[in-house]
Amino acid sequence: MIRPGELVSFDTDLIGPFGYCADISRSFFCGPGRPSDEQRRLYGLAMEQIHYNMDLLKPGLSYRELAERAWKLPETCAPNRYSVILHGVGLCDEYPACLYQEDFERHGYDGHLEAGMTVCVESFIGEVGGPGEFREGVKLEQQVLITETGVELLSTFPFEEELLGRQV
């Protein structure tokens, strides 16, 4: 049951025009009321992670280099991290994938970003409350095209102004 004051997240993974996959994630505040300072803080961390990692992307960057340079999760969020920092999207979904540095040696594989690749940059920020306890979390994801100079944003759905701390 979704209750007023809670956050709800959606991860789309849908098939779009000509069979191409579209994949973005957004978290929403369920009113009435206003998001708490804690909800806005978590949303801000997820936004910071997404944009920091998007700024790293360019042709030639290896998945291992991205894992090493990626935004570092707060220790309280690391146990609840999403499975990947980035994954490919197009006629197939979730390949290739770049894992977090702590997961790379055991489950990762290397490769390189290339101009023309479409990828999704992922974030889940959810802190562990107590032993095994999970509180709230924010899931955000942007779909981008790797260009010769960086990325072109393909996602157009807006972020939640109230969760960004802006009044709407």
N, C-alpha and C. Protein backbone atom coordinates (compact mmCIF):
# COMPACT_ATOMS: atom_id res chain seq x y z
N MET A 1 0.84 -1.17 0.00
CA MET A 1 0.00 0.00 0.00
C MET A 1 0.89 1.25 0.00
N ILE A 2 0.59 2.16 -0.89
CA ILE A 2 1.33 3.43 -0.95
C ILE A 2 0.59 4.42 -0.05
N ARG A 3 1.34 5.04 0.85
CA ARG A 3 0.74 5.96 1.81
C ARG A 3 1.23 7.39 1.55
N PRO A 4 0.40 8.38 1.93
CA PRO A 4 0.85 9.77 1.81
C PRO A 4 2.17 9.98 2.54
N GLY A 5 3.05 10.73 1.89
CA GLY A 5 4.36 11.03 2.49
C GLY A 5 5.45 10.05 2.10
N GLU A 6 5.10 8.98 1.39
CA GLU A 6 6.10 8.00 0.99
C GLU A 6 6.67 8.33 -0.39
N LEU A 7 7.81 7.73 -0.68
CA LEU A 7 8.41 7.81 -2.02
C LEU A 7 8.06 6.55 -2.79
N VAL A 8 7.80 6.72 -4.07
CA VAL A 8 7.54 5.59 -4.97
C VAL A 8 8.46 5.74 -6.16
N SER A 9 9.09 4.64 -6.56
CA SER A 9 10.02 4.67 -7.68
C SER A 9 9.54 3.76 -8.80
N PHE A 10 9.81 4.21 -10.04
CA PHE A 10 9.47 3.45 -11.23
C PHE A 10 10.72 3.32 -12.10
N ASP A 11 10.95 2.11 -12.60
CA ASP A 11 12.02 1.84 -13.55
C ASP A 11 11.33 1.32 -14.81
N THR A 12 11.39 2.10 -15.90
CA THR A 12 10.50 1.87 -17.03
C THR A 12 10.79 0.63 -17.86
N ASP A 13 12.01 0.44 -18.36
CA ASP A 13 12.34 -0.71 -19.22
C ASP A 13 11.22 -1.01 -20.20
N LEU A 14 10.97 -0.10 -21.12
CA LEU A 14 9.88 -0.30 -22.07
C LEU A 14 10.40 -0.34 -23.50
N ILE A 15 9.61 -0.96 -24.34
CA ILE A 15 9.95 -1.03 -25.75
C ILE A 15 9.33 0.17 -26.45
N GLY A 16 10.16 0.94 -27.14
CA GLY A 16 9.71 2.16 -27.78
C GLY A 16 9.62 2.02 -29.29
N PRO A 17 9.73 3.14 -30.00
CA PRO A 17 9.62 3.13 -31.47
C PRO A 17 10.63 2.19 -32.13
N PHE A 18 10.18 1.48 -33.13
CA PHE A 18 11.01 0.58 -33.93
C PHE A 18 11.66 -0.53 -33.11
N GLY A 19 11.10 -0.84 -31.94
CA GLY A 19 11.61 -1.93 -31.11
C GLY A 19 12.77 -1.57 -30.23
N TYR A 20 13.15 -0.29 -30.18
CA TYR A 20 14.25 0.11 -29.32
C TYR A 20 13.79 0.24 -27.88
N CYS A 21 14.64 -0.18 -26.96
CA CYS A 21 14.33 -0.10 -25.55
C CYS A 21 14.55 1.33 -25.04
N ALA A 22 13.64 1.77 -24.21
CA ALA A 22 13.79 3.04 -23.51
C ALA A 22 13.78 2.71 -22.02
N ASP A 23 14.69 3.30 -21.27
CA ASP A 23 14.84 2.90 -19.87
C ASP A 23 15.24 4.12 -19.04
N ILE A 24 14.32 4.62 -18.27
CA ILE A 24 14.63 5.66 -17.29
C ILE A 24 13.96 5.29 -15.98
N SER A 25 14.45 5.86 -14.90
CA SER A 25 13.85 5.66 -13.58
C SER A 25 13.62 7.01 -12.94
N ARG A 26 12.53 7.09 -12.21
CA ARG A 26 12.21 8.29 -11.45
C ARG A 26 11.58 7.89 -10.13
N SER A 27 11.79 8.73 -9.12
CA SER A 27 11.14 8.57 -7.83
C SER A 27 10.22 9.75 -7.61
N PHE A 28 9.08 9.47 -7.01
CA PHE A 28 8.05 10.48 -6.81
C PHE A 28 7.63 10.53 -5.35
N PHE A 29 7.24 11.71 -4.90
CA PHE A 29 6.69 11.91 -3.56
C PHE A 29 5.17 11.76 -3.65
N CYS A 30 4.61 10.98 -2.76
CA CYS A 30 3.16 10.79 -2.73
C CYS A 30 2.55 11.75 -1.71
N GLY A 31 1.82 12.72 -2.21
CA GLY A 31 1.18 13.70 -1.35
C GLY A 31 -0.11 13.16 -0.76
N PRO A 32 -0.82 13.98 -0.02
CA PRO A 32 -0.56 15.41 0.15
C PRO A 32 0.61 15.64 1.10
N GLY A 33 1.00 16.88 1.18
CA GLY A 33 2.10 17.26 2.04
C GLY A 33 3.34 17.62 1.25
N ARG A 34 4.42 17.74 1.95
CA ARG A 34 5.71 18.10 1.36
C ARG A 34 6.74 17.03 1.72
N PRO A 35 7.70 16.80 0.84
CA PRO A 35 8.77 15.85 1.16
C PRO A 35 9.55 16.30 2.40
N SER A 36 10.03 15.33 3.12
CA SER A 36 10.85 15.62 4.31
C SER A 36 12.26 16.05 3.88
N ASP A 37 12.98 16.64 4.81
CA ASP A 37 14.37 17.00 4.54
C ASP A 37 15.18 15.75 4.18
N GLU A 38 14.90 14.63 4.84
CA GLU A 38 15.61 13.39 4.56
C GLU A 38 15.31 12.89 3.15
N GLN A 39 14.07 12.96 2.71
CA GLN A 39 13.72 12.55 1.35
C GLN A 39 14.42 13.43 0.32
N ARG A 40 14.47 14.73 0.58
CA ARG A 40 15.16 15.64 -0.34
C ARG A 40 16.67 15.38 -0.34
N ARG A 41 17.22 15.04 0.82
CA ARG A 41 18.66 14.74 0.91
C ARG A 41 18.99 13.51 0.06
N LEU A 42 18.21 12.44 0.20
CA LEU A 42 18.43 11.22 -0.58
C LEU A 42 18.30 11.49 -2.07
N TYR A 43 17.29 12.28 -2.45
CA TYR A 43 17.08 12.62 -3.86
C TYR A 43 18.27 13.41 -4.38
N GLY A 44 18.77 14.34 -3.57
CA GLY A 44 19.93 15.14 -3.96
C GLY A 44 21.17 14.27 -4.17
N LEU A 45 21.37 13.26 -3.32
CA LEU A 45 22.51 12.35 -3.48
C LEU A 45 22.37 11.55 -4.78
N ALA A 46 21.17 11.08 -5.07
CA ALA A 46 20.96 10.32 -6.31
C ALA A 46 21.22 11.21 -7.53
N MET A 47 20.76 12.45 -7.48
CA MET A 47 21.02 13.38 -8.59
C MET A 47 22.52 13.62 -8.75
N GLU A 48 23.20 13.81 -7.62
CA GLU A 48 24.65 14.04 -7.66
C GLU A 48 25.36 12.84 -8.30
N GLN A 49 24.97 11.64 -7.91
CA GLN A 49 25.60 10.44 -8.46
C GLN A 49 25.38 10.34 -9.97
N ILE A 50 24.15 10.52 -10.41
CA ILE A 50 23.83 10.42 -11.84
C ILE A 50 24.66 11.42 -12.65
N HIS A 51 24.66 12.67 -12.23
CA HIS A 51 25.34 13.70 -13.01
C HIS A 51 26.86 13.57 -12.94
N TYR A 52 27.39 13.20 -11.79
CA TYR A 52 28.83 12.97 -11.67
C TYR A 52 29.27 11.89 -12.65
N ASN A 53 28.55 10.77 -12.65
CA ASN A 53 28.93 9.65 -13.52
C ASN A 53 28.70 9.97 -14.99
N MET A 54 27.66 10.73 -15.31
CA MET A 54 27.45 11.14 -16.71
C MET A 54 28.60 12.00 -17.20
N ASP A 55 29.14 12.85 -16.34
CA ASP A 55 30.25 13.72 -16.72
C ASP A 55 31.53 12.94 -17.02
N LEU A 56 31.64 11.72 -16.54
CA LEU A 56 32.83 10.89 -16.80
C LEU A 56 32.81 10.22 -18.17
N LEU A 57 31.64 10.09 -18.75
CA LEU A 57 31.47 9.26 -19.94
C LEU A 57 32.03 9.90 -21.20
N LYS A 58 32.81 9.09 -21.94
CA LYS A 58 33.38 9.52 -23.22
C LYS A 58 33.89 8.28 -23.93
N PRO A 59 34.03 8.36 -25.24
CA PRO A 59 34.56 7.22 -25.98
C PRO A 59 35.95 6.84 -25.47
N GLY A 60 36.21 5.54 -25.41
CA GLY A 60 37.51 5.05 -24.98
C GLY A 60 37.59 4.74 -23.50
N LEU A 61 36.67 5.27 -22.69
CA LEU A 61 36.68 4.98 -21.26
C LEU A 61 36.33 3.51 -21.05
N SER A 62 37.18 2.80 -20.30
CA SER A 62 36.90 1.39 -20.06
C SER A 62 35.91 1.25 -18.90
N TYR A 63 35.25 0.12 -18.86
CA TYR A 63 34.31 -0.14 -17.77
C TYR A 63 35.05 -0.18 -16.44
N ARG A 64 36.25 -0.73 -16.46
CA ARG A 64 37.05 -0.77 -15.22
C ARG A 64 37.40 0.66 -14.77
N GLU A 65 37.81 1.52 -15.71
CA GLU A 65 38.12 2.91 -15.36
C GLU A 65 36.88 3.61 -14.81
N LEU A 66 35.74 3.38 -15.42
CA LEU A 66 34.51 3.99 -14.92
C LEU A 66 34.21 3.51 -13.51
N ALA A 67 34.35 2.21 -13.27
CA ALA A 67 34.12 1.68 -11.92
C ALA A 67 35.06 2.33 -10.90
N GLU A 68 36.30 2.55 -11.28
CA GLU A 68 37.29 3.15 -10.37
C GLU A 68 37.02 4.63 -10.13
N ARG A 69 36.55 5.36 -11.15
CA ARG A 69 36.38 6.81 -11.05
C ARG A 69 34.97 7.22 -10.63
N ALA A 70 34.03 6.30 -10.65
CA ALA A 70 32.62 6.62 -10.40
C ALA A 70 32.42 7.23 -9.02
N TRP A 71 31.32 7.95 -8.91
CA TRP A 71 30.90 8.59 -7.65
C TRP A 71 30.87 7.53 -6.56
N LYS A 72 31.47 7.84 -5.43
CA LYS A 72 31.55 6.88 -4.33
C LYS A 72 30.30 6.98 -3.46
N LEU A 73 29.64 5.85 -3.30
CA LEU A 73 28.45 5.79 -2.47
C LEU A 73 28.81 6.01 -1.00
N PRO A 74 27.95 6.70 -0.25
CA PRO A 74 28.15 6.77 1.19
C PRO A 74 28.11 5.34 1.77
N GLU A 75 28.88 5.09 2.82
CA GLU A 75 28.93 3.75 3.41
C GLU A 75 27.56 3.24 3.80
N THR A 76 26.68 4.14 4.22
CA THR A 76 25.34 3.74 4.65
C THR A 76 24.46 3.30 3.48
N CYS A 77 24.85 3.63 2.25
CA CYS A 77 24.08 3.26 1.06
C CYS A 77 24.67 2.08 0.31
N ALA A 78 25.94 1.79 0.53
CA ALA A 78 26.63 0.75 -0.24
C ALA A 78 25.95 -0.62 -0.18
N PRO A 79 25.44 -1.06 0.98
CA PRO A 79 24.80 -2.39 0.99
C PRO A 79 23.54 -2.47 0.12
N ASN A 80 22.89 -1.34 -0.13
CA ASN A 80 21.67 -1.31 -0.94
C ASN A 80 21.92 -0.82 -2.36
N ARG A 81 23.18 -0.80 -2.80
CA ARG A 81 23.50 -0.24 -4.12
C ARG A 81 22.77 -0.99 -5.23
N TYR A 82 22.54 -0.26 -6.31
CA TYR A 82 21.97 -0.89 -7.49
C TYR A 82 23.01 -1.84 -8.07
N SER A 83 22.61 -2.76 -8.92
CA SER A 83 23.53 -3.78 -9.42
C SER A 83 24.58 -3.23 -10.39
N VAL A 84 24.30 -2.09 -11.05
CA VAL A 84 25.24 -1.53 -12.03
C VAL A 84 25.31 -0.01 -11.90
N ILE A 85 26.42 0.53 -12.36
CA ILE A 85 26.59 1.98 -12.49
C ILE A 85 25.97 2.44 -13.80
N LEU A 86 26.12 1.59 -14.81
CA LEU A 86 25.72 1.91 -16.18
C LEU A 86 25.43 0.61 -16.91
N HIS A 87 24.49 0.66 -17.85
CA HIS A 87 24.26 -0.50 -18.70
C HIS A 87 23.84 -0.02 -20.08
N GLY A 88 24.08 -0.88 -21.06
CA GLY A 88 23.68 -0.58 -22.41
C GLY A 88 22.18 -0.73 -22.60
N VAL A 89 21.68 -0.09 -23.64
CA VAL A 89 20.25 -0.19 -23.96
C VAL A 89 20.10 0.06 -25.46
N GLY A 90 19.16 -0.58 -26.06
CA GLY A 90 18.93 -0.43 -27.50
C GLY A 90 18.04 -1.54 -27.96
N LEU A 91 18.58 -2.43 -28.80
CA LEU A 91 17.82 -3.59 -29.22
C LEU A 91 17.89 -4.70 -28.19
N CYS A 92 18.77 -4.56 -27.21
CA CYS A 92 18.78 -5.43 -26.04
C CYS A 92 18.92 -4.53 -24.82
N ASP A 93 18.61 -5.05 -23.69
CA ASP A 93 18.63 -4.24 -22.46
C ASP A 93 19.63 -4.84 -21.48
N GLU A 94 20.35 -3.98 -20.81
CA GLU A 94 21.26 -4.33 -19.72
C GLU A 94 22.60 -4.90 -20.18
N TYR A 95 22.95 -4.76 -21.46
CA TYR A 95 24.27 -5.20 -21.92
C TYR A 95 24.83 -4.14 -22.85
N PRO A 96 26.08 -3.80 -22.71
CA PRO A 96 27.00 -4.23 -21.66
C PRO A 96 26.68 -3.54 -20.34
N ALA A 97 27.34 -3.96 -19.29
CA ALA A 97 27.10 -3.39 -17.97
C ALA A 97 28.42 -3.08 -17.28
N CYS A 98 28.41 -2.00 -16.51
CA CYS A 98 29.57 -1.63 -15.70
C CYS A 98 29.15 -1.72 -14.23
N LEU A 99 29.83 -2.58 -13.50
CA LEU A 99 29.51 -2.80 -12.09
C LEU A 99 30.30 -1.85 -11.20
N TYR A 100 29.89 -1.78 -9.94
CA TYR A 100 30.63 -1.00 -8.95
C TYR A 100 31.99 -1.64 -8.73
N GLN A 101 32.95 -0.81 -8.33
CA GLN A 101 34.32 -1.27 -8.16
C GLN A 101 34.40 -2.48 -7.23
N GLU A 102 33.65 -2.47 -6.14
CA GLU A 102 33.72 -3.58 -5.19
C GLU A 102 33.14 -4.89 -5.75
N ASP A 103 32.38 -4.81 -6.82
CA ASP A 103 31.80 -6.00 -7.45
C ASP A 103 32.54 -6.40 -8.73
N PHE A 104 33.42 -5.54 -9.20
CA PHE A 104 34.02 -5.70 -10.52
C PHE A 104 34.85 -6.97 -10.65
N GLU A 105 35.73 -7.24 -9.70
CA GLU A 105 36.64 -8.38 -9.82
C GLU A 105 35.88 -9.70 -9.85
N ARG A 106 34.81 -9.79 -9.09
CA ARG A 106 34.09 -11.06 -8.99
C ARG A 106 33.07 -11.26 -10.12
N HIS A 107 32.41 -10.17 -10.55
CA HIS A 107 31.32 -10.35 -11.51
C HIS A 107 31.45 -9.49 -12.77
N GLY A 108 32.41 -8.58 -12.78
CA GLY A 108 32.52 -7.64 -13.89
C GLY A 108 33.32 -8.16 -15.06
N TYR A 109 33.33 -7.39 -16.12
CA TYR A 109 34.13 -7.67 -17.31
C TYR A 109 34.48 -6.33 -17.92
N ASP A 110 35.57 -6.28 -18.65
CA ASP A 110 36.00 -5.00 -19.19
C ASP A 110 35.56 -4.85 -20.64
N GLY A 111 35.57 -3.64 -21.07
CA GLY A 111 35.21 -3.24 -22.42
C GLY A 111 35.40 -1.74 -22.47
N HIS A 112 35.00 -1.10 -23.55
CA HIS A 112 35.17 0.35 -23.69
C HIS A 112 33.91 0.99 -24.21
N LEU A 113 33.65 2.20 -23.76
CA LEU A 113 32.56 2.98 -24.32
C LEU A 113 32.97 3.44 -25.71
N GLU A 114 32.02 3.46 -26.63
CA GLU A 114 32.27 3.89 -27.99
C GLU A 114 31.23 4.92 -28.40
N ALA A 115 31.63 5.87 -29.23
CA ALA A 115 30.67 6.83 -29.77
C ALA A 115 29.57 6.06 -30.49
N GLY A 116 28.35 6.47 -30.28
CA GLY A 116 27.20 5.81 -30.89
C GLY A 116 26.50 4.83 -29.96
N MET A 117 27.13 4.48 -28.83
CA MET A 117 26.47 3.58 -27.87
C MET A 117 25.40 4.36 -27.11
N THR A 118 24.30 3.69 -26.82
CA THR A 118 23.27 4.24 -25.95
C THR A 118 23.34 3.48 -24.64
N VAL A 119 23.46 4.22 -23.54
CA VAL A 119 23.60 3.62 -22.22
C VAL A 119 22.69 4.32 -21.23
N CYS A 120 22.44 3.63 -20.13
CA CYS A 120 21.65 4.19 -19.04
C CYS A 120 22.54 4.29 -17.81
N VAL A 121 22.53 5.46 -17.19
CA VAL A 121 23.30 5.72 -15.98
C VAL A 121 22.34 5.60 -14.81
N GLU A 122 22.67 4.71 -13.87
CA GLU A 122 21.77 4.32 -12.79
C GLU A 122 22.19 4.86 -11.43
N SER A 123 21.19 5.06 -10.58
CA SER A 123 21.43 5.38 -9.18
C SER A 123 20.31 4.82 -8.34
N PHE A 124 20.67 4.19 -7.24
CA PHE A 124 19.72 3.92 -6.17
C PHE A 124 20.41 4.34 -4.89
N ILE A 125 19.80 5.27 -4.19
CA ILE A 125 20.31 5.73 -2.90
C ILE A 125 19.30 5.34 -1.84
N GLY A 126 19.66 4.35 -1.06
CA GLY A 126 18.83 3.88 0.04
C GLY A 126 19.72 3.46 1.19
N GLU A 127 19.53 4.08 2.31
CA GLU A 127 20.40 3.80 3.45
C GLU A 127 19.90 2.64 4.30
N VAL A 128 20.83 1.94 4.91
CA VAL A 128 20.52 0.91 5.87
C VAL A 128 20.25 1.62 7.19
N GLY A 129 19.11 1.31 7.81
CA GLY A 129 18.74 1.99 9.06
C GLY A 129 19.37 1.34 10.27
N GLY A 130 19.20 0.09 10.45
CA GLY A 130 19.77 -0.66 11.56
C GLY A 130 20.18 -2.00 11.02
N PRO A 131 20.41 -2.97 11.87
CA PRO A 131 20.81 -4.29 11.37
C PRO A 131 19.77 -4.86 10.40
N GLY A 132 20.11 -4.88 9.13
CA GLY A 132 19.22 -5.41 8.12
C GLY A 132 18.00 -4.57 7.82
N GLU A 133 17.90 -3.41 8.40
CA GLU A 133 16.71 -2.55 8.21
C GLU A 133 16.93 -1.57 7.07
N PHE A 134 15.92 -1.46 6.23
CA PHE A 134 15.97 -0.53 5.10
C PHE A 134 14.93 0.55 5.35
N ARG A 135 15.31 1.81 5.11
CA ARG A 135 14.38 2.91 5.31
C ARG A 135 13.77 3.29 3.97
N GLU A 136 14.15 4.44 3.41
CA GLU A 136 13.63 4.90 2.13
C GLU A 136 14.73 4.93 1.10
N GLY A 137 14.32 4.97 -0.16
CA GLY A 137 15.31 5.03 -1.22
C GLY A 137 14.81 5.82 -2.41
N VAL A 138 15.78 6.26 -3.21
CA VAL A 138 15.50 7.03 -4.43
C VAL A 138 16.18 6.33 -5.59
N LYS A 139 15.41 6.05 -6.64
CA LYS A 139 15.92 5.42 -7.86
C LYS A 139 15.81 6.42 -9.00
N LEU A 140 16.93 6.74 -9.61
CA LEU A 140 16.97 7.64 -10.76
C LEU A 140 17.82 6.99 -11.85
N GLU A 141 17.49 7.30 -13.10
CA GLU A 141 18.23 6.75 -14.23
C GLU A 141 18.04 7.67 -15.42
N GLN A 142 19.13 7.91 -16.13
CA GLN A 142 19.10 8.72 -17.34
C GLN A 142 19.64 7.90 -18.50
N GLN A 143 18.99 8.04 -19.65
CA GLN A 143 19.46 7.38 -20.87
C GLN A 143 20.21 8.41 -21.70
N VAL A 144 21.43 8.03 -22.14
CA VAL A 144 22.27 8.96 -22.89
C VAL A 144 22.91 8.27 -24.09
N LEU A 145 23.27 9.07 -25.06
CA LEU A 145 24.02 8.62 -26.23
C LEU A 145 25.47 9.04 -26.04
N ILE A 146 26.40 8.11 -26.19
CA ILE A 146 27.83 8.45 -26.13
C ILE A 146 28.19 9.13 -27.44
N THR A 147 28.73 10.34 -27.36
CA THR A 147 29.14 11.09 -28.55
C THR A 147 30.66 11.17 -28.58
N GLU A 148 31.20 11.78 -29.61
CA GLU A 148 32.66 11.94 -29.72
C GLU A 148 33.23 12.78 -28.57
N THR A 149 32.41 13.63 -27.97
CA THR A 149 32.90 14.56 -26.93
C THR A 149 32.33 14.30 -25.54
N GLY A 150 31.44 13.34 -25.39
CA GLY A 150 30.83 13.09 -24.09
C GLY A 150 29.49 12.40 -24.25
N VAL A 151 28.41 13.04 -23.78
CA VAL A 151 27.10 12.42 -23.89
C VAL A 151 26.05 13.42 -24.38
N GLU A 152 25.03 12.86 -25.00
CA GLU A 152 23.83 13.62 -25.36
C GLU A 152 22.68 13.00 -24.57
N LEU A 153 21.99 13.81 -23.81
CA LEU A 153 20.88 13.33 -23.00
C LEU A 153 19.71 12.93 -23.89
N LEU A 154 19.22 11.71 -23.72
CA LEU A 154 18.06 11.23 -24.46
C LEU A 154 16.79 11.25 -23.61
N SER A 155 16.94 11.18 -22.29
CA SER A 155 15.79 11.21 -21.39
C SER A 155 15.23 12.62 -21.34
N THR A 156 13.92 12.72 -21.43
CA THR A 156 13.29 14.04 -21.38
C THR A 156 12.31 14.19 -20.23
N PHE A 157 12.00 13.09 -19.53
CA PHE A 157 11.04 13.19 -18.43
C PHE A 157 11.68 13.96 -17.28
N PRO A 158 10.98 14.95 -16.71
CA PRO A 158 11.59 15.81 -15.69
C PRO A 158 11.78 15.11 -14.35
N PHE A 159 12.61 15.71 -13.53
CA PHE A 159 12.79 15.28 -12.15
C PHE A 159 11.76 16.00 -11.28
N GLU A 160 11.57 15.53 -10.07
CA GLU A 160 10.58 16.08 -9.15
C GLU A 160 11.10 17.35 -8.49
N GLU A 161 10.52 18.48 -8.85
CA GLU A 161 10.96 19.78 -8.33
C GLU A 161 10.91 19.82 -6.80
N GLU A 162 9.83 19.30 -6.21
CA GLU A 162 9.72 19.34 -4.75
C GLU A 162 10.81 18.53 -4.06
N LEU A 163 11.23 17.43 -4.67
CA LEU A 163 12.29 16.64 -4.09
C LEU A 163 13.66 17.25 -4.30
N LEU A 164 13.75 18.16 -5.26
CA LEU A 164 14.98 18.89 -5.48
C LEU A 164 15.09 20.09 -4.53
N GLY A 165 14.06 20.28 -3.72
CA GLY A 165 14.07 21.41 -2.78
C GLY A 165 13.50 22.67 -3.36
N ARG A 166 12.93 22.57 -4.56
CA ARG A 166 12.32 23.74 -5.19
C ARG A 166 10.82 23.69 -4.98
N GLN A 167 10.22 24.81 -4.74
CA GLN A 167 8.78 24.87 -4.58
C GLN A 167 8.11 24.88 -5.93
N VAL A 168 7.04 24.11 -6.07
CA VAL A 168 6.28 24.08 -7.33
C VAL A 168 4.91 24.70 -7.12
